[in-house]
Amino acid sequence: MARNDAKPLSTRRSFSDLDHEKQEAIRNACLAEFVRASYQGASTNAMAKQAGVAKGLLFYYFGSKKGLFLYLTDYCIEFLHRKFFEGLELGREDIFERTIRWTLRKWAMAESHPLHYGFLVKQLLDCPPDVERLLEEKKRAYKALSMQRFYDGLDLSNLRPDVAGDRAVEFVSFVVEGLRARNVDRYKRNPRPLPELHGEILAELKEYLDLCRHGLCAR
């Protein structure tokens, strides 16, 4: 009788069963390759070689390149979200002060965790539409959590009496998102190292926030 060595599905090891160091090695190798070559050009052969595992294991754990990409996106969003709020002290600030401080904190996170941040930036530039649709709901959920924290201790006392706090925050968020989308488009057309762009982006952000301040706040 032929011997069947296949393990039942219930006894197979999942990626989360691997020890922490091995998980990190595989994740970092895959992130680095996606950052280097984007989704379309990334090679699972290169990922496996860099991680020191058989290529078949990547497909065993994640099912496909798309499955791996989705897993890494989920992981990076959760990781950076957790790190952003780790030890964050929310003093009493107005909308504009907090927006600037959070922007600077995000950039500090980018410097501390370049692989995770770089992967999400590359994703903005090269993400298949079907994958992007799958990620939208998760991104909205994390954005909603962030906005809840944004309100903590927020000083709205300098708003005009006829301006509701939630509307003011929403208005500023629209401005920030508009600038972000425009800068993503600029980056697509003329990619440069992100630190080179931060000074320009910050100056532009402050200019638009000043316009918002004059329109929203009592004189």
N, C-alpha and C. Protein backbone atom coordinates (compact mmCIF):
# COMPACT_ATOMS: atom_id res chain seq x y z
N MET A 1 0.84 -1.20 0.00
CA MET A 1 0.00 0.00 0.00
C MET A 1 0.88 1.25 0.00
N ALA A 2 0.51 2.19 -0.83
CA ALA A 2 1.31 3.42 -0.90
C ALA A 2 1.18 4.20 0.40
N ARG A 3 2.31 4.73 0.84
CA ARG A 3 2.34 5.48 2.10
C ARG A 3 1.93 6.93 1.83
N ASN A 4 1.05 7.46 2.65
CA ASN A 4 0.61 8.85 2.50
C ASN A 4 1.20 9.68 3.62
N ASP A 5 2.19 10.53 3.26
CA ASP A 5 2.87 11.34 4.28
C ASP A 5 2.24 12.72 4.46
N ALA A 6 1.19 13.01 3.69
CA ALA A 6 0.57 14.34 3.81
C ALA A 6 -0.08 14.50 5.17
N LYS A 7 0.21 15.62 5.81
CA LYS A 7 -0.37 15.89 7.13
C LYS A 7 -1.79 16.39 6.97
N PRO A 8 -2.69 16.02 7.89
CA PRO A 8 -4.03 16.62 7.87
C PRO A 8 -3.92 18.13 7.99
N LEU A 9 -4.85 18.84 7.36
CA LEU A 9 -4.80 20.30 7.40
C LEU A 9 -4.76 20.82 8.82
N SER A 10 -5.44 20.16 9.74
CA SER A 10 -5.54 20.65 11.12
C SER A 10 -4.20 20.59 11.84
N THR A 11 -3.24 19.79 11.33
CA THR A 11 -1.96 19.66 12.02
C THR A 11 -0.84 20.42 11.30
N ARG A 12 -1.14 21.04 10.17
CA ARG A 12 -0.12 21.78 9.45
C ARG A 12 0.24 23.06 10.19
N ARG A 13 1.51 23.43 10.10
CA ARG A 13 1.96 24.65 10.77
C ARG A 13 1.60 25.86 9.92
N SER A 14 1.14 26.91 10.58
CA SER A 14 0.87 28.16 9.89
C SER A 14 2.08 29.08 10.09
N PHE A 15 2.08 30.20 9.39
CA PHE A 15 3.19 31.15 9.51
C PHE A 15 3.35 31.62 10.95
N SER A 16 2.23 31.82 11.63
CA SER A 16 2.28 32.31 13.01
C SER A 16 2.87 31.29 13.98
N ASP A 17 2.98 30.04 13.55
CA ASP A 17 3.58 29.02 14.40
C ASP A 17 5.11 29.07 14.39
N LEU A 18 5.68 29.76 13.41
CA LEU A 18 7.14 29.86 13.33
C LEU A 18 7.65 30.72 14.48
N ASP A 19 8.93 30.52 14.84
CA ASP A 19 9.48 31.36 15.90
C ASP A 19 9.63 32.79 15.38
N HIS A 20 9.69 33.72 16.30
CA HIS A 20 9.66 35.15 15.99
C HIS A 20 10.77 35.54 15.01
N GLU A 21 11.99 35.03 15.22
CA GLU A 21 13.11 35.39 14.38
C GLU A 21 12.89 34.95 12.93
N LYS A 22 12.33 33.75 12.75
CA LYS A 22 12.09 33.25 11.40
C LYS A 22 11.00 34.07 10.71
N GLN A 23 9.95 34.40 11.45
CA GLN A 23 8.91 35.25 10.88
C GLN A 23 9.49 36.59 10.42
N GLU A 24 10.33 37.19 11.26
CA GLU A 24 10.93 38.47 10.93
C GLU A 24 11.81 38.37 9.69
N ALA A 25 12.58 37.29 9.59
CA ALA A 25 13.46 37.11 8.44
C ALA A 25 12.66 37.01 7.15
N ILE A 26 11.57 36.26 7.19
CA ILE A 26 10.73 36.11 5.99
C ILE A 26 10.03 37.42 5.66
N ARG A 27 9.46 38.07 6.67
CA ARG A 27 8.76 39.34 6.43
C ARG A 27 9.71 40.39 5.85
N ASN A 28 10.88 40.53 6.47
CA ASN A 28 11.81 41.57 6.03
C ASN A 28 12.31 41.31 4.61
N ALA A 29 12.55 40.05 4.27
CA ALA A 29 13.00 39.72 2.92
C ALA A 29 11.92 40.05 1.90
N CYS A 30 10.68 39.75 2.23
CA CYS A 30 9.57 40.01 1.32
C CYS A 30 9.30 41.51 1.20
N LEU A 31 9.33 42.21 2.33
CA LEU A 31 9.13 43.66 2.30
C LEU A 31 10.20 44.34 1.45
N ALA A 32 11.46 43.94 1.66
CA ALA A 32 12.56 44.55 0.92
C ALA A 32 12.41 44.35 -0.58
N GLU A 33 11.96 43.18 -0.99
CA GLU A 33 11.79 42.90 -2.41
C GLU A 33 10.63 43.71 -3.00
N PHE A 34 9.53 43.81 -2.26
CA PHE A 34 8.41 44.62 -2.75
C PHE A 34 8.80 46.09 -2.83
N VAL A 35 9.58 46.58 -1.86
CA VAL A 35 10.03 47.97 -1.89
C VAL A 35 10.97 48.19 -3.08
N ARG A 36 11.82 47.21 -3.35
CA ARG A 36 12.78 47.33 -4.45
C ARG A 36 12.10 47.32 -5.82
N ALA A 37 11.16 46.40 -5.99
CA ALA A 37 10.64 46.15 -7.33
C ALA A 37 9.15 46.41 -7.49
N SER A 38 8.45 46.82 -6.44
CA SER A 38 7.00 47.02 -6.46
C SER A 38 6.29 45.68 -6.68
N TYR A 39 4.96 45.74 -6.69
CA TYR A 39 4.19 44.49 -6.73
C TYR A 39 4.44 43.70 -8.01
N GLN A 40 4.35 44.37 -9.14
CA GLN A 40 4.45 43.66 -10.42
C GLN A 40 5.83 43.04 -10.63
N GLY A 41 6.87 43.75 -10.24
CA GLY A 41 8.22 43.27 -10.51
C GLY A 41 8.84 42.40 -9.43
N ALA A 42 8.22 42.36 -8.25
CA ALA A 42 8.80 41.61 -7.13
C ALA A 42 8.89 40.12 -7.45
N SER A 43 10.00 39.51 -7.05
CA SER A 43 10.26 38.10 -7.34
C SER A 43 10.16 37.28 -6.06
N THR A 44 9.27 36.29 -6.05
CA THR A 44 9.18 35.40 -4.89
C THR A 44 10.43 34.53 -4.78
N ASN A 45 11.11 34.30 -5.90
CA ASN A 45 12.38 33.57 -5.85
C ASN A 45 13.41 34.35 -5.04
N ALA A 46 13.49 35.67 -5.31
CA ALA A 46 14.43 36.52 -4.58
C ALA A 46 14.06 36.60 -3.10
N MET A 47 12.77 36.68 -2.80
CA MET A 47 12.32 36.72 -1.40
C MET A 47 12.75 35.46 -0.66
N ALA A 48 12.48 34.31 -1.27
CA ALA A 48 12.81 33.03 -0.63
C ALA A 48 14.31 32.90 -0.42
N LYS A 49 15.08 33.28 -1.42
CA LYS A 49 16.54 33.18 -1.31
C LYS A 49 17.06 34.07 -0.19
N GLN A 50 16.57 35.31 -0.12
CA GLN A 50 17.01 36.24 0.91
C GLN A 50 16.61 35.77 2.31
N ALA A 51 15.42 35.16 2.40
CA ALA A 51 14.92 34.69 3.70
C ALA A 51 15.52 33.35 4.11
N GLY A 52 16.14 32.67 3.15
CA GLY A 52 16.73 31.36 3.44
C GLY A 52 15.70 30.27 3.59
N VAL A 53 14.63 30.33 2.79
CA VAL A 53 13.60 29.29 2.84
C VAL A 53 13.29 28.84 1.41
N ALA A 54 12.64 27.71 1.29
CA ALA A 54 12.21 27.23 -0.02
C ALA A 54 11.07 28.11 -0.54
N LYS A 55 11.08 28.37 -1.84
CA LYS A 55 10.03 29.20 -2.42
C LYS A 55 8.65 28.61 -2.15
N GLY A 56 8.57 27.28 -2.16
CA GLY A 56 7.28 26.62 -1.92
C GLY A 56 6.68 26.98 -0.58
N LEU A 57 7.54 27.29 0.40
CA LEU A 57 7.02 27.63 1.73
C LEU A 57 6.24 28.94 1.70
N LEU A 58 6.68 29.89 0.88
CA LEU A 58 5.95 31.15 0.80
C LEU A 58 4.52 30.91 0.32
N PHE A 59 4.38 30.04 -0.67
CA PHE A 59 3.05 29.74 -1.19
C PHE A 59 2.27 28.85 -0.21
N TYR A 60 2.99 28.03 0.53
CA TYR A 60 2.35 27.20 1.54
C TYR A 60 1.73 28.08 2.63
N TYR A 61 2.49 29.10 3.07
CA TYR A 61 2.01 29.95 4.16
C TYR A 61 1.00 31.00 3.69
N PHE A 62 1.18 31.53 2.48
CA PHE A 62 0.38 32.68 2.06
C PHE A 62 -0.51 32.41 0.84
N GLY A 63 -0.36 31.28 0.23
CA GLY A 63 -1.23 30.89 -0.87
C GLY A 63 -0.81 31.40 -2.23
N SER A 64 -0.39 32.66 -2.31
CA SER A 64 -0.03 33.27 -3.58
C SER A 64 0.74 34.56 -3.29
N LYS A 65 1.28 35.13 -4.35
CA LYS A 65 1.95 36.43 -4.21
C LYS A 65 0.96 37.48 -3.72
N LYS A 66 -0.25 37.42 -4.21
CA LYS A 66 -1.30 38.34 -3.77
C LYS A 66 -1.61 38.14 -2.30
N GLY A 67 -1.70 36.90 -1.87
CA GLY A 67 -1.96 36.62 -0.46
C GLY A 67 -0.84 37.13 0.43
N LEU A 68 0.40 36.98 -0.04
CA LEU A 68 1.55 37.49 0.70
C LEU A 68 1.49 39.01 0.79
N PHE A 69 1.16 39.67 -0.31
CA PHE A 69 1.06 41.13 -0.35
C PHE A 69 -0.01 41.63 0.61
N LEU A 70 -1.15 40.95 0.63
CA LEU A 70 -2.23 41.34 1.53
C LEU A 70 -1.82 41.16 2.99
N TYR A 71 -1.15 40.04 3.26
CA TYR A 71 -0.68 39.79 4.64
C TYR A 71 0.28 40.90 5.07
N LEU A 72 1.25 41.23 4.22
CA LEU A 72 2.25 42.24 4.58
C LEU A 72 1.61 43.62 4.76
N THR A 73 0.62 43.92 3.93
CA THR A 73 -0.09 45.20 4.08
C THR A 73 -0.79 45.26 5.43
N ASP A 74 -1.49 44.20 5.75
CA ASP A 74 -2.20 44.11 7.03
C ASP A 74 -1.21 44.26 8.18
N TYR A 75 -0.11 43.55 8.08
CA TYR A 75 0.91 43.58 9.14
C TYR A 75 1.50 44.98 9.29
N CYS A 76 1.88 45.62 8.17
CA CYS A 76 2.53 46.93 8.24
C CYS A 76 1.60 48.00 8.78
N ILE A 77 0.34 47.98 8.35
CA ILE A 77 -0.62 48.97 8.85
C ILE A 77 -0.80 48.81 10.35
N GLU A 78 -0.99 47.57 10.80
CA GLU A 78 -1.19 47.33 12.24
C GLU A 78 0.07 47.69 13.02
N PHE A 79 1.24 47.32 12.50
CA PHE A 79 2.51 47.58 13.17
C PHE A 79 2.75 49.08 13.34
N LEU A 80 2.61 49.84 12.25
CA LEU A 80 2.87 51.27 12.31
C LEU A 80 1.81 52.01 13.12
N HIS A 81 0.57 51.54 13.06
CA HIS A 81 -0.49 52.14 13.87
C HIS A 81 -0.17 51.97 15.36
N ARG A 82 0.25 50.77 15.72
CA ARG A 82 0.58 50.49 17.13
C ARG A 82 1.79 51.30 17.57
N LYS A 83 2.82 51.36 16.74
CA LYS A 83 4.04 52.09 17.09
C LYS A 83 3.78 53.59 17.18
N PHE A 84 2.89 54.09 16.32
CA PHE A 84 2.59 55.53 16.33
C PHE A 84 2.02 55.96 17.67
N PHE A 85 1.12 55.16 18.22
CA PHE A 85 0.44 55.55 19.46
C PHE A 85 1.16 55.06 20.72
N GLU A 86 2.20 54.28 20.53
CA GLU A 86 2.97 53.75 21.67
C GLU A 86 3.70 54.91 22.36
N GLY A 87 3.34 55.19 23.58
CA GLY A 87 3.99 56.27 24.33
C GLY A 87 3.61 57.67 23.89
N LEU A 88 2.62 57.80 23.03
CA LEU A 88 2.20 59.13 22.57
C LEU A 88 1.43 59.84 23.68
N GLU A 89 1.90 61.02 24.07
CA GLU A 89 1.21 61.82 25.06
C GLU A 89 0.40 62.91 24.35
N LEU A 90 -0.87 62.95 24.65
CA LEU A 90 -1.76 63.90 24.00
C LEU A 90 -2.01 65.09 24.93
N GLY A 91 -1.22 66.13 24.73
CA GLY A 91 -1.42 67.35 25.50
C GLY A 91 -2.56 68.16 24.91
N ARG A 92 -2.81 69.32 25.47
CA ARG A 92 -3.89 70.17 24.97
C ARG A 92 -3.36 70.99 23.80
N GLU A 93 -3.80 70.67 22.60
CA GLU A 93 -3.35 71.34 21.39
C GLU A 93 -4.55 71.70 20.54
N ASP A 94 -4.40 72.72 19.68
CA ASP A 94 -5.49 72.99 18.75
C ASP A 94 -5.33 72.08 17.52
N ILE A 95 -6.27 72.18 16.62
CA ILE A 95 -6.28 71.30 15.44
C ILE A 95 -4.99 71.41 14.65
N PHE A 96 -4.49 72.62 14.49
CA PHE A 96 -3.37 72.87 13.62
C PHE A 96 -2.06 72.39 14.23
N GLU A 97 -1.90 72.64 15.54
CA GLU A 97 -0.71 72.16 16.25
C GLU A 97 -0.65 70.63 16.22
N ARG A 98 -1.80 70.01 16.45
CA ARG A 98 -1.81 68.54 16.47
C ARG A 98 -1.56 67.97 15.08
N THR A 99 -2.10 68.58 14.06
CA THR A 99 -1.88 68.10 12.70
C THR A 99 -0.40 68.12 12.35
N ILE A 100 0.28 69.22 12.70
CA ILE A 100 1.72 69.32 12.43
C ILE A 100 2.49 68.28 13.24
N ARG A 101 2.16 68.15 14.52
CA ARG A 101 2.90 67.21 15.37
C ARG A 101 2.72 65.78 14.91
N TRP A 102 1.50 65.43 14.51
CA TRP A 102 1.27 64.06 14.04
C TRP A 102 1.97 63.80 12.71
N THR A 103 2.02 64.82 11.86
CA THR A 103 2.74 64.67 10.59
C THR A 103 4.22 64.41 10.84
N LEU A 104 4.81 65.18 11.74
CA LEU A 104 6.23 64.99 12.08
C LEU A 104 6.47 63.63 12.72
N ARG A 105 5.53 63.19 13.54
CA ARG A 105 5.67 61.88 14.19
C ARG A 105 5.61 60.76 13.14
N LYS A 106 4.74 60.89 12.16
CA LYS A 106 4.66 59.90 11.08
C LYS A 106 5.98 59.82 10.32
N TRP A 107 6.58 60.96 10.06
CA TRP A 107 7.85 60.96 9.34
C TRP A 107 8.96 60.36 10.20
N ALA A 108 8.91 60.59 11.51
CA ALA A 108 9.89 59.95 12.40
C ALA A 108 9.73 58.44 12.37
N MET A 109 8.47 57.99 12.29
CA MET A 109 8.20 56.55 12.16
C MET A 109 8.78 56.01 10.86
N ALA A 110 8.70 56.80 9.81
CA ALA A 110 9.24 56.38 8.51
C ALA A 110 10.75 56.17 8.61
N GLU A 111 11.42 57.02 9.36
CA GLU A 111 12.87 56.89 9.53
C GLU A 111 13.21 55.71 10.43
N SER A 112 12.37 55.44 11.42
CA SER A 112 12.64 54.35 12.36
C SER A 112 12.32 52.99 11.75
N HIS A 113 11.34 52.95 10.86
CA HIS A 113 10.88 51.67 10.28
C HIS A 113 10.76 51.83 8.76
N PRO A 114 11.89 52.00 8.08
CA PRO A 114 11.86 52.31 6.64
C PRO A 114 11.25 51.21 5.77
N LEU A 115 11.43 49.94 6.16
CA LEU A 115 10.87 48.86 5.35
C LEU A 115 9.34 48.89 5.38
N HIS A 116 8.78 49.00 6.58
CA HIS A 116 7.32 48.99 6.72
C HIS A 116 6.70 50.21 6.03
N TYR A 117 7.29 51.37 6.28
CA TYR A 117 6.76 52.60 5.69
C TYR A 117 6.98 52.62 4.18
N GLY A 118 8.18 52.20 3.76
CA GLY A 118 8.49 52.18 2.34
C GLY A 118 7.58 51.24 1.57
N PHE A 119 7.21 50.13 2.19
CA PHE A 119 6.30 49.18 1.55
C PHE A 119 4.94 49.83 1.30
N LEU A 120 4.42 50.55 2.29
CA LEU A 120 3.11 51.18 2.12
C LEU A 120 3.17 52.33 1.12
N VAL A 121 4.29 53.03 1.06
CA VAL A 121 4.45 54.10 0.07
C VAL A 121 4.46 53.50 -1.34
N LYS A 122 5.25 52.43 -1.53
CA LYS A 122 5.29 51.77 -2.83
C LYS A 122 3.91 51.24 -3.23
N GLN A 123 3.15 50.84 -2.22
CA GLN A 123 1.81 50.32 -2.49
C GLN A 123 0.92 51.40 -3.10
N LEU A 124 1.12 52.66 -2.69
CA LEU A 124 0.36 53.77 -3.27
C LEU A 124 0.66 53.93 -4.75
N LEU A 125 1.89 53.56 -5.13
CA LEU A 125 2.33 53.76 -6.50
C LEU A 125 2.03 52.57 -7.40
N ASP A 126 1.96 51.38 -6.81
CA ASP A 126 1.81 50.18 -7.63
C ASP A 126 1.02 49.13 -6.86
N CYS A 127 -0.28 49.25 -6.92
CA CYS A 127 -1.16 48.29 -6.24
C CYS A 127 -2.26 47.88 -7.22
N PRO A 128 -2.36 46.60 -7.54
CA PRO A 128 -3.42 46.15 -8.45
C PRO A 128 -4.79 46.56 -7.93
N PRO A 129 -5.69 47.00 -8.81
CA PRO A 129 -7.01 47.49 -8.39
C PRO A 129 -7.79 46.49 -7.54
N ASP A 130 -7.71 45.18 -7.87
CA ASP A 130 -8.47 44.20 -7.08
C ASP A 130 -7.92 44.07 -5.68
N VAL A 131 -6.60 44.21 -5.54
CA VAL A 131 -5.98 44.17 -4.21
C VAL A 131 -6.33 45.44 -3.44
N GLU A 132 -6.29 46.58 -4.13
CA GLU A 132 -6.59 47.86 -3.49
C GLU A 132 -8.01 47.86 -2.92
N ARG A 133 -8.94 47.28 -3.64
CA ARG A 133 -10.33 47.22 -3.16
C ARG A 133 -10.44 46.40 -1.88
N LEU A 134 -9.66 45.33 -1.80
CA LEU A 134 -9.69 44.49 -0.60
C LEU A 134 -9.12 45.22 0.62
N LEU A 135 -8.23 46.17 0.37
CA LEU A 135 -7.57 46.86 1.47
C LEU A 135 -8.32 48.10 1.97
N GLU A 136 -9.24 48.60 1.16
CA GLU A 136 -9.90 49.86 1.49
C GLU A 136 -10.63 49.80 2.83
N GLU A 137 -11.37 48.73 3.08
CA GLU A 137 -12.14 48.64 4.33
C GLU A 137 -11.23 48.64 5.54
N LYS A 138 -10.12 47.90 5.46
CA LYS A 138 -9.19 47.86 6.59
C LYS A 138 -8.55 49.22 6.82
N LYS A 139 -8.19 49.89 5.75
CA LYS A 139 -7.58 51.21 5.90
C LYS A 139 -8.56 52.20 6.53
N ARG A 140 -9.83 52.10 6.12
CA ARG A 140 -10.85 52.98 6.70
C ARG A 140 -11.01 52.71 8.19
N ALA A 141 -10.93 51.44 8.59
CA ALA A 141 -11.09 51.09 10.01
C ALA A 141 -9.96 51.70 10.83
N TYR A 142 -8.72 51.60 10.36
CA TYR A 142 -7.59 52.16 11.11
C TYR A 142 -7.64 53.69 11.11
N LYS A 143 -8.12 54.27 10.02
CA LYS A 143 -8.24 55.73 9.97
C LYS A 143 -9.28 56.21 10.99
N ALA A 144 -10.37 55.46 11.12
CA ALA A 144 -11.40 55.82 12.09
C ALA A 144 -10.85 55.76 13.51
N LEU A 145 -10.05 54.73 13.81
CA LEU A 145 -9.43 54.62 15.14
C LEU A 145 -8.49 55.79 15.39
N SER A 146 -7.73 56.17 14.38
CA SER A 146 -6.80 57.30 14.52
C SER A 146 -7.54 58.60 14.78
N MET A 147 -8.66 58.80 14.09
CA MET A 147 -9.42 60.02 14.27
C MET A 147 -10.02 60.11 15.66
N GLN A 148 -10.41 58.96 16.22
CA GLN A 148 -10.90 58.96 17.60
C GLN A 148 -9.83 59.46 18.55
N ARG A 149 -8.59 58.99 18.35
CA ARG A 149 -7.50 59.44 19.20
C ARG A 149 -7.15 60.90 18.94
N PHE A 150 -7.34 61.35 17.71
CA PHE A 150 -7.02 62.74 17.36
C PHE A 150 -7.82 63.71 18.21
N TYR A 151 -9.03 63.34 18.56
CA TYR A 151 -9.92 64.21 19.34
C TYR A 151 -9.51 64.29 20.82
N ASP A 152 -8.75 63.33 21.32
CA ASP A 152 -8.42 63.28 22.75
C ASP A 152 -7.67 64.54 23.18
N GLY A 153 -8.26 65.30 24.09
CA GLY A 153 -7.61 66.50 24.61
C GLY A 153 -7.49 67.64 23.62
N LEU A 154 -8.20 67.55 22.50
CA LEU A 154 -8.09 68.58 21.47
C LEU A 154 -8.73 69.89 21.95
N ASP A 155 -7.99 70.98 21.81
CA ASP A 155 -8.48 72.29 22.25
C ASP A 155 -9.20 72.97 21.08
N LEU A 156 -10.50 73.11 21.22
CA LEU A 156 -11.32 73.73 20.18
C LEU A 156 -11.78 75.14 20.57
N SER A 157 -11.17 75.69 21.62
CA SER A 157 -11.65 76.96 22.16
C SER A 157 -11.38 78.15 21.25
N ASN A 158 -10.45 78.00 20.30
CA ASN A 158 -10.15 79.15 19.44
C ASN A 158 -10.96 79.16 18.15
N LEU A 159 -11.92 78.25 18.03
CA LEU A 159 -12.77 78.25 16.85
C LEU A 159 -13.82 79.36 16.96
N ARG A 160 -14.27 79.82 15.83
CA ARG A 160 -15.37 80.77 15.83
C ARG A 160 -16.59 80.13 16.48
N PRO A 161 -17.41 80.88 17.17
CA PRO A 161 -18.59 80.31 17.85
C PRO A 161 -19.53 79.57 16.91
N ASP A 162 -19.55 79.95 15.64
CA ASP A 162 -20.48 79.32 14.71
C ASP A 162 -19.89 78.10 14.00
N VAL A 163 -18.68 77.69 14.40
CA VAL A 163 -18.02 76.54 13.76
C VAL A 163 -18.03 75.36 14.72
N ALA A 164 -18.67 74.27 14.33
CA ALA A 164 -18.70 73.05 15.15
C ALA A 164 -17.34 72.36 15.10
N GLY A 165 -16.92 71.80 16.24
CA GLY A 165 -15.61 71.17 16.34
C GLY A 165 -15.42 70.03 15.35
N ASP A 166 -16.45 69.16 15.24
CA ASP A 166 -16.30 68.02 14.33
C ASP A 166 -16.19 68.46 12.88
N ARG A 167 -16.91 69.54 12.52
CA ARG A 167 -16.83 70.06 11.17
C ARG A 167 -15.45 70.67 10.90
N ALA A 168 -14.90 71.34 11.90
CA ALA A 168 -13.58 71.94 11.75
C ALA A 168 -12.52 70.87 11.51
N VAL A 169 -12.59 69.80 12.31
CA VAL A 169 -11.63 68.69 12.15
C VAL A 169 -11.81 68.04 10.78
N GLU A 170 -13.06 67.86 10.37
CA GLU A 170 -13.34 67.25 9.07
C GLU A 170 -12.79 68.13 7.94
N PHE A 171 -12.97 69.44 8.07
CA PHE A 171 -12.49 70.37 7.05
C PHE A 171 -10.97 70.30 6.92
N VAL A 172 -10.28 70.32 8.06
CA VAL A 172 -8.82 70.24 8.04
C VAL A 172 -8.37 68.90 7.48
N SER A 173 -9.10 67.84 7.81
CA SER A 173 -8.76 66.51 7.30
C SER A 173 -8.87 66.47 5.77
N PHE A 174 -9.91 67.14 5.23
CA PHE A 174 -10.07 67.20 3.77
C PHE A 174 -8.86 67.90 3.13
N VAL A 175 -8.42 68.98 3.76
CA VAL A 175 -7.27 69.72 3.24
C VAL A 175 -6.02 68.84 3.26
N VAL A 176 -5.79 68.18 4.39
CA VAL A 176 -4.60 67.32 4.53
C VAL A 176 -4.64 66.17 3.53
N GLU A 177 -5.80 65.54 3.37
CA GLU A 177 -5.94 64.43 2.43
C GLU A 177 -5.74 64.91 0.99
N GLY A 178 -6.24 66.11 0.69
CA GLY A 178 -6.04 66.66 -0.64
C GLY A 178 -4.57 66.90 -0.95
N LEU A 179 -3.86 67.45 0.02
CA LEU A 179 -2.42 67.66 -0.15
C LEU A 179 -1.68 66.34 -0.28
N ARG A 180 -2.09 65.36 0.51
CA ARG A 180 -1.45 64.04 0.45
C ARG A 180 -1.62 63.42 -0.94
N ALA A 181 -2.85 63.48 -1.46
CA ALA A 181 -3.11 62.91 -2.78
C ALA A 181 -2.30 63.62 -3.85
N ARG A 182 -2.19 64.94 -3.74
CA ARG A 182 -1.42 65.70 -4.74
C ARG A 182 0.06 65.35 -4.67
N ASN A 183 0.57 65.18 -3.44
CA ASN A 183 1.98 64.84 -3.29
C ASN A 183 2.28 63.42 -3.75
N VAL A 184 1.31 62.52 -3.57
CA VAL A 184 1.48 61.16 -4.10
C VAL A 184 1.60 61.21 -5.61
N ASP A 185 0.75 62.03 -6.24
CA ASP A 185 0.80 62.18 -7.70
C ASP A 185 2.12 62.77 -8.15
N ARG A 186 2.61 63.76 -7.41
CA ARG A 186 3.92 64.34 -7.73
C ARG A 186 5.02 63.31 -7.61
N TYR A 187 4.94 62.49 -6.56
CA TYR A 187 5.97 61.48 -6.33
C TYR A 187 5.95 60.42 -7.43
N LYS A 188 4.75 60.09 -7.91
CA LYS A 188 4.65 59.13 -9.00
C LYS A 188 5.35 59.65 -10.25
N ARG A 189 5.18 60.95 -10.50
CA ARG A 189 5.75 61.53 -11.71
C ARG A 189 7.24 61.81 -11.57
N ASN A 190 7.69 62.05 -10.34
CA ASN A 190 9.10 62.38 -10.12
C ASN A 190 9.56 61.82 -8.77
N PRO A 191 9.81 60.49 -8.72
CA PRO A 191 10.20 59.87 -7.44
C PRO A 191 11.52 60.44 -6.93
N ARG A 192 11.53 60.77 -5.64
CA ARG A 192 12.74 61.24 -4.97
C ARG A 192 12.77 60.63 -3.57
N PRO A 193 13.93 60.57 -2.94
CA PRO A 193 13.96 60.08 -1.56
C PRO A 193 13.00 60.89 -0.69
N LEU A 194 12.20 60.19 0.11
CA LEU A 194 11.17 60.88 0.89
C LEU A 194 11.70 61.99 1.80
N PRO A 195 12.85 61.79 2.48
CA PRO A 195 13.34 62.88 3.34
C PRO A 195 13.56 64.19 2.59
N GLU A 196 13.89 64.09 1.27
CA GLU A 196 14.07 65.31 0.48
C GLU A 196 12.76 66.06 0.29
N LEU A 197 11.67 65.33 0.33
CA LEU A 197 10.36 65.93 0.08
C LEU A 197 9.73 66.52 1.34
N HIS A 198 10.17 66.04 2.50
CA HIS A 198 9.49 66.40 3.74
C HIS A 198 9.50 67.90 3.99
N GLY A 199 10.61 68.56 3.73
CA GLY A 199 10.68 70.00 3.96
C GLY A 199 9.68 70.76 3.10
N GLU A 200 9.57 70.37 1.83
CA GLU A 200 8.63 71.02 0.92
C GLU A 200 7.19 70.76 1.36
N ILE A 201 6.92 69.51 1.72
CA ILE A 201 5.56 69.14 2.12
C ILE A 201 5.16 69.88 3.39
N LEU A 202 6.09 69.97 4.36
CA LEU A 202 5.77 70.64 5.62
C LEU A 202 5.49 72.12 5.40
N ALA A 203 6.28 72.77 4.55
CA ALA A 203 6.07 74.20 4.27
C ALA A 203 4.70 74.41 3.63
N GLU A 204 4.35 73.55 2.70
CA GLU A 204 3.05 73.66 2.03
C GLU A 204 1.92 73.39 3.01
N LEU A 205 2.09 72.37 3.86
CA LEU A 205 1.07 72.03 4.85
C LEU A 205 0.83 73.21 5.80
N LYS A 206 1.90 73.82 6.29
CA LYS A 206 1.75 74.97 7.20
C LYS A 206 1.04 76.13 6.52
N GLU A 207 1.33 76.34 5.23
CA GLU A 207 0.68 77.42 4.50
C GLU A 207 -0.82 77.20 4.41
N TYR A 208 -1.22 75.97 4.09
CA TYR A 208 -2.65 75.68 3.98
C TYR A 208 -3.34 75.66 5.34
N LEU A 209 -2.63 75.22 6.36
CA LEU A 209 -3.22 75.24 7.70
C LEU A 209 -3.43 76.67 8.18
N ASP A 210 -2.52 77.57 7.81
CA ASP A 210 -2.71 78.99 8.15
C ASP A 210 -3.96 79.54 7.48
N LEU A 211 -4.19 79.13 6.24
CA LEU A 211 -5.40 79.56 5.55
C LEU A 211 -6.64 79.03 6.27
N CYS A 212 -6.56 77.78 6.72
CA CYS A 212 -7.67 77.20 7.47
C CYS A 212 -7.87 77.95 8.79
N ARG A 213 -6.78 78.27 9.44
CA ARG A 213 -6.86 78.95 10.74
C ARG A 213 -7.57 80.29 10.60
N HIS A 214 -7.24 81.05 9.61
CA HIS A 214 -7.86 82.37 9.43
C HIS A 214 -9.33 82.25 9.06
N GLY A 215 -9.68 81.14 8.43
CA GLY A 215 -11.07 80.97 8.04
C GLY A 215 -11.95 80.38 9.15
N LEU A 216 -11.30 79.68 10.09
CA LEU A 216 -12.08 78.95 11.11
C LEU A 216 -12.06 79.59 12.48
N CYS A 217 -11.05 80.43 12.77
CA CYS A 217 -10.85 80.86 14.14
C CYS A 217 -11.27 82.32 14.35
N ALA A 218 -11.68 82.57 15.59
CA ALA A 218 -12.03 83.95 15.98
C ALA A 218 -10.77 84.82 15.91
N ARG A 219 -10.94 86.04 15.49
CA ARG A 219 -9.79 86.95 15.39
C ARG A 219 -9.56 87.66 16.71
